[in-house]
Amino acid sequence: MRSLLCVLALFVGVASLEFDATDAKNRPVSKVITLLKDMLKQLEKEAAEDEEIYDKLACWCETNDKEKTKSIADAEAKIEDLTTKIEELTALSARLNTEIKNLESEVAKNQEALDKATAIREKQLAEFNAEEKDLLESISALKAAVTVLSKHQGGAFLQMPHSHLLGVATTMQHELQKHAPLLQGIISPSQRRAVASSPLLS
């Protein structure tokens, strides 16, 4: 009988320890565990999504890195070419500036020489004009004098001493030779030959 009671007590104890699923779900610890499980699932899902995004970004970064590396290499090569070109153009600019300065100096010297030559020519022209004016006035006066003397003296003019006539002819020939360029076009070649072959000079 005692053993039966022990078995019965044992059976009652086991029955009292029987798991109650409904009570377990309502316990706070169970709610926390359920919440943690849900969070774990969400985190695993987000991790999968993040890994997919990471793969895409890694692929983009790798491709972009190659493109950027090539672009950088191309840009550096272009910079080197442009630097060389700049150095060449700088040297050319310096040489051209030197040539310009030399040419400006030469132009200034030529201008100075031209100004001096122009001043000399203007002075010579003024002297020529003055001398030509004097000669023309002298010729006009001589012509007028010869005309007047011929009218008043008639043949007596030809009776002048031979030495006087010789002096006049010599002076005329000397002046003709001295001022030949100035008298060119004023005295005809026949008149010049007539003076040169005058019997007074023979």
C-alpha atoms as a PDB file:
ATOM      1  CA  MET A   1       0.000   0.000   0.000  1.00  0.00           C
ATOM      2  CA  ARG A   2       2.829   2.293   0.858  1.00  0.00           C
ATOM      3  CA  SER A   3       4.348   1.669  -2.565  1.00  0.00           C
ATOM      4  CA  LEU A   4       1.085   2.481  -4.259  1.00  0.00           C
ATOM      5  CA  LEU A   5       0.922   5.759  -2.469  1.00  0.00           C
ATOM      6  CA  CYS A   6       4.435   6.568  -3.590  1.00  0.00           C
ATOM      7  CA  VAL A   7       3.546   5.842  -7.215  1.00  0.00           C
ATOM      8  CA  LEU A   8       0.436   7.929  -6.902  1.00  0.00           C
ATOM      9  CA  ALA A   9       2.329  10.802  -5.376  1.00  0.00           C
ATOM     10  CA  LEU A  10       4.903  10.552  -8.096  1.00  0.00           C
ATOM     11  CA  PHE A  11       2.218  10.606 -10.742  1.00  0.00           C
ATOM     12  CA  VAL A  12       0.599  13.680  -9.213  1.00  0.00           C
ATOM     13  CA  GLY A  13       3.971  15.428  -9.073  1.00  0.00           C
ATOM     14  CA  VAL A  14       4.659  14.694 -12.729  1.00  0.00           C
ATOM     15  CA  ALA A  15       1.212  15.903 -13.676  1.00  0.00           C
ATOM     16  CA  SER A  16       1.851  19.149 -11.837  1.00  0.00           C
ATOM     17  CA  LEU A  17       5.107  19.635 -13.771  1.00  0.00           C
ATOM     18  CA  GLU A  18       3.388  19.128 -17.136  1.00  0.00           C
ATOM     19  CA  PHE A  19       4.323  22.007 -19.593  1.00  0.00           C
ATOM     20  CA  ASP A  20       1.619  24.460 -20.295  1.00  0.00           C
ATOM     21  CA  ALA A  21       2.293  26.052 -23.737  1.00  0.00           C
ATOM     22  CA  THR A  22      -0.363  28.704 -23.324  1.00  0.00           C
ATOM     23  CA  ASP A  23       1.109  29.883 -20.049  1.00  0.00           C
ATOM     24  CA  ALA A  24       4.595  29.860 -21.557  1.00  0.00           C
ATOM     25  CA  LYS A  25       3.550  32.195 -24.356  1.00  0.00           C
ATOM     26  CA  ASN A  26       2.118  34.655 -21.907  1.00  0.00           C
ATOM     27  CA  ARG A  27       5.250  34.817 -19.775  1.00  0.00           C
ATOM     28  CA  PRO A  28       7.424  38.013 -20.202  1.00  0.00           C
ATOM     29  CA  VAL A  29      10.550  35.979 -20.896  1.00  0.00           C
ATOM     30  CA  SER A  30       8.792  34.179 -23.716  1.00  0.00           C
ATOM     31  CA  LYS A  31       7.724  37.489 -25.224  1.00  0.00           C
ATOM     32  CA  VAL A  32      11.314  38.733 -25.092  1.00  0.00           C
ATOM     33  CA  ILE A  33      12.591  35.527 -26.679  1.00  0.00           C
ATOM     34  CA  THR A  34       9.975  35.816 -29.450  1.00  0.00           C
ATOM     35  CA  LEU A  35      10.931  39.466 -30.014  1.00  0.00           C
ATOM     36  CA  LEU A  36      14.613  38.548 -30.190  1.00  0.00           C
ATOM     37  CA  LYS A  37      13.847  35.775 -32.686  1.00  0.00           C
ATOM     38  CA  ASP A  38      11.905  38.233 -34.866  1.00  0.00           C
ATOM     39  CA  MET A  39      14.767  40.691 -34.636  1.00  0.00           C
ATOM     40  CA  LEU A  40      17.233  37.964 -35.614  1.00  0.00           C
ATOM     41  CA  LYS A  41      15.180  37.113 -38.682  1.00  0.00           C
ATOM     42  CA  GLN A  42      14.962  40.819 -39.633  1.00  0.00           C
ATOM     43  CA  LEU A  43      18.702  41.260 -39.132  1.00  0.00           C
ATOM     44  CA  GLU A  44      19.445  38.202 -41.249  1.00  0.00           C
ATOM     45  CA  LYS A  45      17.204  39.554 -43.984  1.00  0.00           C
ATOM     46  CA  GLU A  46      18.864  42.994 -43.819  1.00  0.00           C
ATOM     47  CA  ALA A  47      22.292  41.340 -43.786  1.00  0.00           C
ATOM     48  CA  ALA A  48      21.415  39.484 -46.970  1.00  0.00           C
ATOM     49  CA  GLU A  49      20.219  42.711 -48.574  1.00  0.00           C
ATOM     50  CA  ASP A  50      23.325  44.549 -47.368  1.00  0.00           C
ATOM     51  CA  GLU A  51      25.553  41.844 -48.789  1.00  0.00           C
ATOM     52  CA  GLU A  52      23.836  42.136 -52.148  1.00  0.00           C
ATOM     53  CA  ILE A  53      24.237  45.921 -52.086  1.00  0.00           C
ATOM     54  CA  TYR A  54      27.874  45.503 -50.987  1.00  0.00           C
ATOM     55  CA  ASP A  55      28.567  43.191 -53.924  1.00  0.00           C
ATOM     56  CA  LYS A  56      27.071  45.721 -56.303  1.00  0.00           C
ATOM     57  CA  LEU A  57      29.050  48.566 -54.734  1.00  0.00           C
ATOM     58  CA  ALA A  58      32.243  46.520 -54.750  1.00  0.00           C
ATOM     59  CA  CYS A  59      31.762  45.818 -58.460  1.00  0.00           C
ATOM     60  CA  TRP A  60      31.039  49.501 -59.123  1.00  0.00           C
ATOM     61  CA  CYS A  61      34.045  50.591 -57.079  1.00  0.00           C
ATOM     62  CA  GLU A  62      36.336  48.197 -58.912  1.00  0.00           C
ATOM     63  CA  THR A  63      35.074  49.290 -62.329  1.00  0.00           C
ATOM     64  CA  ASN A  64      35.120  52.947 -61.341  1.00  0.00           C
ATOM     65  CA  ASP A  65      38.606  52.589 -59.888  1.00  0.00           C
ATOM     66  CA  LYS A  66      39.896  51.207 -63.187  1.00  0.00           C
ATOM     67  CA  GLU A  67      38.243  54.011 -65.134  1.00  0.00           C
ATOM     68  CA  LYS A  68      39.501  56.681 -62.734  1.00  0.00           C
ATOM     69  CA  THR A  69      43.009  55.201 -62.781  1.00  0.00           C
ATOM     70  CA  LYS A  70      43.023  55.324 -66.581  1.00  0.00           C
ATOM     71  CA  SER A  71      41.620  58.865 -66.562  1.00  0.00           C
ATOM     72  CA  ILE A  72      44.292  59.952 -64.087  1.00  0.00           C
ATOM     73  CA  ALA A  73      47.030  58.372 -66.214  1.00  0.00           C
ATOM     74  CA  ASP A  74      45.669  60.065 -69.342  1.00  0.00           C
ATOM     75  CA  ALA A  75      45.422  63.415 -67.518  1.00  0.00           C
ATOM     76  CA  GLU A  76      48.993  63.111 -66.212  1.00  0.00           C
ATOM     77  CA  ALA A  77      50.254  62.325 -69.730  1.00  0.00           C
ATOM     78  CA  LYS A  78      48.354  65.330 -71.075  1.00  0.00           C
ATOM     79  CA  ILE A  79      49.763  67.536 -68.312  1.00  0.00           C
ATOM     80  CA  GLU A  80      53.271  66.400 -69.228  1.00  0.00           C
ATOM     81  CA  ASP A  81      52.646  67.149 -72.910  1.00  0.00           C
ATOM     82  CA  LEU A  82      51.196  70.558 -72.087  1.00  0.00           C
ATOM     83  CA  THR A  83      54.119  71.325 -69.772  1.00  0.00           C
ATOM     84  CA  THR A  84      56.545  70.522 -72.595  1.00  0.00           C
ATOM     85  CA  LYS A  85      54.499  72.649 -74.994  1.00  0.00           C
ATOM     86  CA  ILE A  86      54.444  75.529 -72.513  1.00  0.00           C
ATOM     87  CA  GLU A  87      58.237  75.344 -72.144  1.00  0.00           C
ATOM     88  CA  GLU A  88      58.663  75.346 -75.932  1.00  0.00           C
ATOM     89  CA  LEU A  89      56.285  78.283 -76.374  1.00  0.00           C
ATOM     90  CA  THR A  90      57.972  80.169 -73.525  1.00  0.00           C
ATOM     91  CA  ALA A  91      61.361  79.751 -75.213  1.00  0.00           C
ATOM     92  CA  LEU A  92      59.846  80.835 -78.544  1.00  0.00           C
ATOM     93  CA  SER A  93      58.233  83.857 -76.894  1.00  0.00           C
ATOM     94  CA  ALA A  94      61.547  84.877 -75.312  1.00  0.00           C
ATOM     95  CA  ARG A  95      63.333  84.549 -78.673  1.00  0.00           C
ATOM     96  CA  LEU A  96      60.640  86.554 -80.465  1.00  0.00           C
ATOM     97  CA  ASN A  97      60.725  89.246 -77.769  1.00  0.00           C
ATOM     98  CA  THR A  98      64.494  89.525 -78.256  1.00  0.00           C
ATOM     99  CA  GLU A  99      64.039  89.778 -82.027  1.00  0.00           C
ATOM    100  CA  ILE A 100      61.331  92.403 -81.558  1.00  0.00           C
ATOM    101  CA  LYS A 101      63.624  94.487 -79.342  1.00  0.00           C
ATOM    102  CA  ASN A 102      66.445  94.194 -81.884  1.00  0.00           C
ATOM    103  CA  LEU A 103      64.105  95.159 -84.720  1.00  0.00           C
ATOM    104  CA  GLU A 104      62.723  98.083 -82.721  1.00  0.00           C
ATOM    105  CA  SER A 105      66.280  99.287 -82.105  1.00  0.00           C
ATOM    106  CA  GLU A 106      67.099  98.889 -85.797  1.00  0.00           C
ATOM    107  CA  VAL A 107      63.914 100.706 -86.804  1.00  0.00           C
ATOM    108  CA  ALA A 108      64.760 103.533 -84.400  1.00  0.00           C
ATOM    109  CA  LYS A 109      68.263 103.809 -85.893  1.00  0.00           C
ATOM    110  CA  ASN A 110      66.858 103.740 -89.429  1.00  0.00           C
ATOM    111  CA  GLN A 111      64.278 106.370 -88.509  1.00  0.00           C
ATOM    112  CA  GLU A 112      67.002 108.562 -87.015  1.00  0.00           C
ATOM    113  CA  ALA A 113      69.122 108.152 -90.153  1.00  0.00           C
ATOM    114  CA  LEU A 114      66.071 108.910 -92.315  1.00  0.00           C
ATOM    115  CA  ASP A 115      65.298 112.032 -90.289  1.00  0.00           C
ATOM    116  CA  LYS A 116      68.901 113.217 -90.658  1.00  0.00           C
ATOM    117  CA  ALA A 117      68.900 112.479 -94.387  1.00  0.00           C
ATOM    118  CA  THR A 118      65.549 114.245 -94.771  1.00  0.00           C
ATOM    119  CA  ALA A 119      66.882 117.280 -92.913  1.00  0.00           C
ATOM    120  CA  ILE A 120      70.002 117.305 -95.138  1.00  0.00           C
ATOM    121  CA  ARG A 121      67.892 116.980 -98.301  1.00  0.00           C
ATOM    122  CA  GLU A 122      65.566 119.752 -97.156  1.00  0.00           C
ATOM    123  CA  LYS A 123      68.538 121.979 -96.449  1.00  0.00           C
ATOM    124  CA  GLN A 124      70.075 121.136 -99.840  1.00  0.00           C
ATOM    125  CA  LEU A 125      66.734 121.778-101.527  1.00  0.00           C
ATOM    126  CA  ALA A 126      66.446 125.164 -99.825  1.00  0.00           C
ATOM    127  CA  GLU A 127      69.999 126.030-100.890  1.00  0.00           C
ATOM    128  CA  PHE A 128      69.290 124.829-104.417  1.00  0.00           C
ATOM    129  CA  ASN A 129      66.100 126.870-104.624  1.00  0.00           C
ATOM    130  CA  ALA A 130      67.891 129.976-103.348  1.00  0.00           C
ATOM    131  CA  GLU A 131      70.805 129.494-105.738  1.00  0.00           C
ATOM    132  CA  GLU A 132      68.489 128.731-108.628  1.00  0.00           C
ATOM    133  CA  LYS A 133      66.503 131.851-107.866  1.00  0.00           C
ATOM    134  CA  ASP A 134      69.677 133.954-107.815  1.00  0.00           C
ATOM    135  CA  LEU A 135      70.881 132.436-111.099  1.00  0.00           C
ATOM    136  CA  LEU A 136      67.555 132.942-112.807  1.00  0.00           C
ATOM    137  CA  GLU A 137      67.467 136.532-111.619  1.00  0.00           C
ATOM    138  CA  SER A 138      71.036 137.032-112.882  1.00  0.00           C
ATOM    139  CA  ILE A 139      70.193 135.490-116.246  1.00  0.00           C
ATOM    140  CA  SER A 140      67.091 137.639-116.555  1.00  0.00           C
ATOM    141  CA  ALA A 141      69.092 140.730-115.632  1.00  0.00           C
ATOM    142  CA  LEU A 142      71.810 139.862-118.186  1.00  0.00           C
ATOM    143  CA  LYS A 143      69.232 139.265-120.899  1.00  0.00           C
ATOM    144  CA  ALA A 144      67.563 142.591-120.113  1.00  0.00           C
ATOM    145  CA  ALA A 145      70.942 144.357-120.071  1.00  0.00           C
ATOM    146  CA  VAL A 146      71.958 142.855-123.405  1.00  0.00           C
ATOM    147  CA  THR A 147      68.634 143.863-124.913  1.00  0.00           C
ATOM    148  CA  VAL A 148      68.913 147.447-123.644  1.00  0.00           C
ATOM    149  CA  LEU A 149      72.536 147.786-124.686  1.00  0.00           C
ATOM    150  CA  SER A 150      71.795 146.365-128.107  1.00  0.00           C
ATOM    151  CA  LYS A 151      69.056 148.919-128.678  1.00  0.00           C
ATOM    152  CA  HIS A 152      71.032 151.937-127.459  1.00  0.00           C
ATOM    153  CA  GLN A 153      74.519 151.047-128.521  1.00  0.00           C
ATOM    154  CA  GLY A 154      73.761 149.210-131.728  1.00  0.00           C
ATOM    155  CA  GLY A 155      76.931 147.923-133.291  1.00  0.00           C
ATOM    156  CA  ALA A 156      79.011 149.898-130.788  1.00  0.00           C
ATOM    157  CA  PHE A 157      78.454 147.083-128.271  1.00  0.00           C
ATOM    158  CA  LEU A 158      80.490 144.838-130.494  1.00  0.00           C
ATOM    159  CA  GLN A 159      83.352 147.355-130.357  1.00  0.00           C
ATOM    160  CA  MET A 160      84.150 146.454-126.713  1.00  0.00           C
ATOM    161  CA  PRO A 161      87.799 145.584-126.027  1.00  0.00           C
ATOM    162  CA  HIS A 162      88.604 141.980-126.778  1.00  0.00           C
ATOM    163  CA  SER A 163      89.854 141.421-123.204  1.00  0.00           C
ATOM    164  CA  HIS A 164      86.465 142.420-121.794  1.00  0.00           C
ATOM    165  CA  LEU A 165      84.611 140.142-124.145  1.00  0.00           C
ATOM    166  CA  LEU A 166      87.048 137.333-123.368  1.00  0.00           C
ATOM    167  CA  GLY A 167      86.471 137.829-119.639  1.00  0.00           C
ATOM    168  CA  VAL A 168      82.710 137.739-120.098  1.00  0.00           C
ATOM    169  CA  ALA A 169      82.889 134.569-122.199  1.00  0.00           C
ATOM    170  CA  THR A 170      85.234 132.871-119.751  1.00  0.00           C
ATOM    171  CA  THR A 171      83.005 133.780-116.824  1.00  0.00           C
ATOM    172  CA  MET A 172      79.946 132.483-118.622  1.00  0.00           C
ATOM    173  CA  GLN A 173      81.630 129.204-119.503  1.00  0.00           C
ATOM    174  CA  HIS A 174      82.853 128.792-115.909  1.00  0.00           C
ATOM    175  CA  GLU A 175      79.385 129.439-114.506  1.00  0.00           C
ATOM    176  CA  LEU A 176      77.830 127.054-117.014  1.00  0.00           C
ATOM    177  CA  GLN A 177      80.188 124.277-115.929  1.00  0.00           C
ATOM    178  CA  LYS A 178      79.832 125.055-112.241  1.00  0.00           C
ATOM    179  CA  HIS A 179      76.054 125.133-112.280  1.00  0.00           C
ATOM    180  CA  ALA A 180      75.441 122.642-115.078  1.00  0.00           C
ATOM    181  CA  PRO A 181      72.881 120.580-113.060  1.00  0.00           C
ATOM    182  CA  LEU A 182      70.989 123.713-112.076  1.00  0.00           C
ATOM    183  CA  LEU A 183      70.904 125.131-115.592  1.00  0.00           C
ATOM    184  CA  GLN A 184      69.856 121.887-117.191  1.00  0.00           C
ATOM    185  CA  GLY A 185      66.603 122.544-119.014  1.00  0.00           C
ATOM    186  CA  ILE A 186      67.099 126.299-118.842  1.00  0.00           C
ATOM    187  CA  ILE A 187      69.950 126.612-121.383  1.00  0.00           C
ATOM    188  CA  SER A 188      69.552 124.474-124.468  1.00  0.00           C
ATOM    189  CA  PRO A 189      72.399 122.199-125.685  1.00  0.00           C
ATOM    190  CA  SER A 190      72.854 124.402-128.766  1.00  0.00           C
ATOM    191  CA  GLN A 191      73.303 127.485-126.580  1.00  0.00           C
ATOM    192  CA  ARG A 192      75.781 125.598-124.410  1.00  0.00           C
ATOM    193  CA  ARG A 193      77.762 124.548-127.542  1.00  0.00           C
ATOM    194  CA  ALA A 194      77.673 128.087-128.862  1.00  0.00           C
ATOM    195  CA  VAL A 195      79.287 129.391-125.657  1.00  0.00           C
ATOM    196  CA  ALA A 196      81.833 126.570-125.600  1.00  0.00           C
ATOM    197  CA  SER A 197      82.848 127.186-129.226  1.00  0.00           C
ATOM    198  CA  SER A 198      82.918 130.979-128.979  1.00  0.00           C
ATOM    199  CA  PRO A 199      85.706 132.505-131.108  1.00  0.00           C
ATOM    200  CA  LEU A 200      86.588 134.662-128.134  1.00  0.00           C
ATOM    201  CA  LEU A 201      87.839 131.561-126.292  1.00  0.00           C
ATOM    202  CA  SER A 202      89.893 130.234-129.161  1.00  0.00           C
END
